[in-house]
Every structure is written in C-alpha cells, then in structure tokens.
Amino acid sequence: MMMGFGFIGLLLMLLFWGMLIAGAVWLVKAILTGGANSGVLVERNRLSASEILNQRYAKGEITREQYALMSEDLQD
C-alpha cells in the first residue's frame, strides 16, 4: 500500500498535503487582501494629513514654500 515507506512515508505525505493546503490558503488570503503591500497601505491610511505632509517634507518631495502653503491650508 505505501510501497515500503511505512511510517516515514505517511509523515512525508501528511507534510506534503499540509504544505500544499497552507500555501493555497496563503495565496487566497494574499489575493483577497491585496498582497504584501496591504500592511503598508493600511498603516499609511492611519496617518493624519499633517503627519503625511511632515514626512513628504522630510523626504524632500516638496519644497519649503510648498510645505508652508500646505501646512497653512491644513490649519484652516
């Protein structure tokens, strides 16, 4: 029945099917939640507008003048 593999063959078969099922569950979860980047996007959505503005200025994405204008708009 097990072609001579015995108990080790049974364990390997269970390990194989367990890994296959776990991989399928992981794949479905990744597809439904948007993949690996979903955690980053959720965290970014939790930041306030002023925090995002501060980060963009710190990264050099916007100039000092743009930062001042945007900061003033947010305070209004």
C-alpha atoms as a PDB file:
ATOM      1  CA  MET A   1       0.000   0.000   0.000  1.00  0.00           C
ATOM      2  CA  MET A   2       2.712   2.515   0.937  1.00  0.00           C
ATOM      3  CA  MET A   3       5.353   0.868  -1.267  1.00  0.00           C
ATOM      4  CA  GLY A   4       7.644   0.124   1.670  1.00  0.00           C
ATOM      5  CA  PHE A   5       7.930   3.643   3.080  1.00  0.00           C
ATOM      6  CA  GLY A   6       5.880   2.864   6.191  1.00  0.00           C
ATOM      7  CA  PHE A   7       5.596   5.485   8.892  1.00  0.00           C
ATOM      8  CA  ILE A   8       8.089   7.900   7.286  1.00  0.00           C
ATOM      9  CA  GLY A   9       6.123   7.807   4.056  1.00  0.00           C
ATOM     10  CA  LEU A  10       2.931   8.629   5.938  1.00  0.00           C
ATOM     11  CA  LEU A  11       4.610  11.604   7.640  1.00  0.00           C
ATOM     12  CA  LEU A  12       6.014  12.881   4.357  1.00  0.00           C
ATOM     13  CA  MET A  13       2.610  12.569   2.694  1.00  0.00           C
ATOM     14  CA  LEU A  14       0.934  14.488   5.548  1.00  0.00           C
ATOM     15  CA  LEU A  15       3.650  17.146   5.409  1.00  0.00           C
ATOM     16  CA  PHE A  16       3.245  17.495   1.650  1.00  0.00           C
ATOM     17  CA  TRP A  17      -0.542  17.901   1.803  1.00  0.00           C
ATOM     18  CA  GLY A  18      -0.317  20.218   4.811  1.00  0.00           C
ATOM     19  CA  MET A  19       2.146  22.480   2.994  1.00  0.00           C
ATOM     20  CA  LEU A  20       0.008  22.407  -0.144  1.00  0.00           C
ATOM     21  CA  ILE A  21      -3.140  23.403   1.757  1.00  0.00           C
ATOM     22  CA  ALA A  22      -1.286  26.092   3.755  1.00  0.00           C
ATOM     23  CA  GLY A  23       0.135  27.522   0.519  1.00  0.00           C
ATOM     24  CA  ALA A  24      -3.302  27.631  -1.071  1.00  0.00           C
ATOM     25  CA  VAL A  25      -4.768  29.404   1.977  1.00  0.00           C
ATOM     26  CA  TRP A  26      -1.894  31.909   1.967  1.00  0.00           C
ATOM     27  CA  LEU A  27      -2.351  32.569  -1.759  1.00  0.00           C
ATOM     28  CA  VAL A  28      -6.095  33.162  -1.430  1.00  0.00           C
ATOM     29  CA  LYS A  29      -5.526  35.468   1.557  1.00  0.00           C
ATOM     30  CA  ALA A  30      -2.836  37.428  -0.323  1.00  0.00           C
ATOM     31  CA  ILE A  31      -5.108  37.857  -3.342  1.00  0.00           C
ATOM     32  CA  LEU A  32      -8.110  38.969  -1.292  1.00  0.00           C
ATOM     33  CA  THR A  33      -6.203  41.410   0.928  1.00  0.00           C
ATOM     34  CA  GLY A  34      -4.056  42.978  -1.791  1.00  0.00           C
ATOM     35  CA  GLY A  35      -0.757  41.153  -1.286  1.00  0.00           C
ATOM     36  CA  ALA A  36       2.268  42.024   0.764  1.00  0.00           C
ATOM     37  CA  ASN A  37       1.881  45.774   0.447  1.00  0.00           C
ATOM     38  CA  SER A  38      -1.513  45.820   2.125  1.00  0.00           C
ATOM     39  CA  GLY A  39       0.032  46.287   5.581  1.00  0.00           C
ATOM     40  CA  VAL A  40       1.947  49.341   4.398  1.00  0.00           C
ATOM     41  CA  LEU A  41      -1.144  50.878   2.811  1.00  0.00           C
ATOM     42  CA  VAL A  42      -3.245  50.335   5.921  1.00  0.00           C
ATOM     43  CA  GLU A  43      -0.588  51.965   8.084  1.00  0.00           C
ATOM     44  CA  ARG A  44      -0.279  54.906   5.685  1.00  0.00           C
ATOM     45  CA  ASN A  45      -4.055  55.496   5.824  1.00  0.00           C
ATOM     46  CA  ARG A  46      -3.873  55.815   9.609  1.00  0.00           C
ATOM     47  CA  LEU A  47      -1.566  58.839   9.433  1.00  0.00           C
ATOM     48  CA  SER A  48      -3.053  62.296   9.706  1.00  0.00           C
ATOM     49  CA  ALA A  49      -2.706  64.795   6.893  1.00  0.00           C
ATOM     50  CA  SER A  50      -0.146  66.839   8.830  1.00  0.00           C
ATOM     51  CA  GLU A  51       1.950  63.732   9.527  1.00  0.00           C
ATOM     52  CA  ILE A  52       1.963  62.848   5.840  1.00  0.00           C
ATOM     53  CA  LEU A  53       2.926  66.431   5.000  1.00  0.00           C
ATOM     54  CA  ASN A  54       5.797  66.321   7.516  1.00  0.00           C
ATOM     55  CA  GLN A  55       7.051  63.042   6.046  1.00  0.00           C
ATOM     56  CA  ARG A  56       6.921  64.364   2.482  1.00  0.00           C
ATOM     57  CA  TYR A  57       8.890  67.472   3.501  1.00  0.00           C
ATOM     58  CA  ALA A  58      11.420  65.372   5.409  1.00  0.00           C
ATOM     59  CA  LYS A  59      11.926  63.137   2.364  1.00  0.00           C
ATOM     60  CA  GLY A  60      12.475  66.162   0.142  1.00  0.00           C
ATOM     61  CA  GLU A  61       9.406  65.517  -2.011  1.00  0.00           C
ATOM     62  CA  ILE A  62       8.180  69.102  -1.553  1.00  0.00           C
ATOM     63  CA  THR A  63       9.925  72.446  -1.147  1.00  0.00           C
ATOM     64  CA  ARG A  64       9.859  74.696   1.910  1.00  0.00           C
ATOM     65  CA  GLU A  65       7.393  77.032   0.195  1.00  0.00           C
ATOM     66  CA  GLN A  66       5.078  74.180  -0.738  1.00  0.00           C
ATOM     67  CA  TYR A  67       5.292  72.859   2.810  1.00  0.00           C
ATOM     68  CA  ALA A  68       4.403  76.267   4.269  1.00  0.00           C
ATOM     69  CA  LEU A  69       1.419  76.671   1.931  1.00  0.00           C
ATOM     70  CA  MET A  70       0.106  73.186   2.565  1.00  0.00           C
ATOM     71  CA  SER A  71       0.621  73.478   6.308  1.00  0.00           C
ATOM     72  CA  GLU A  72      -1.295  76.749   6.321  1.00  0.00           C
ATOM     73  CA  ASP A  73      -4.133  75.142   4.355  1.00  0.00           C
ATOM     74  CA  LEU A  74      -4.340  72.292   6.827  1.00  0.00           C
ATOM     75  CA  GLN A  75      -4.567  74.648   9.785  1.00  0.00           C
ATOM     76  CA  ASP A  76      -7.573  76.434   8.279  1.00  0.00           C
END
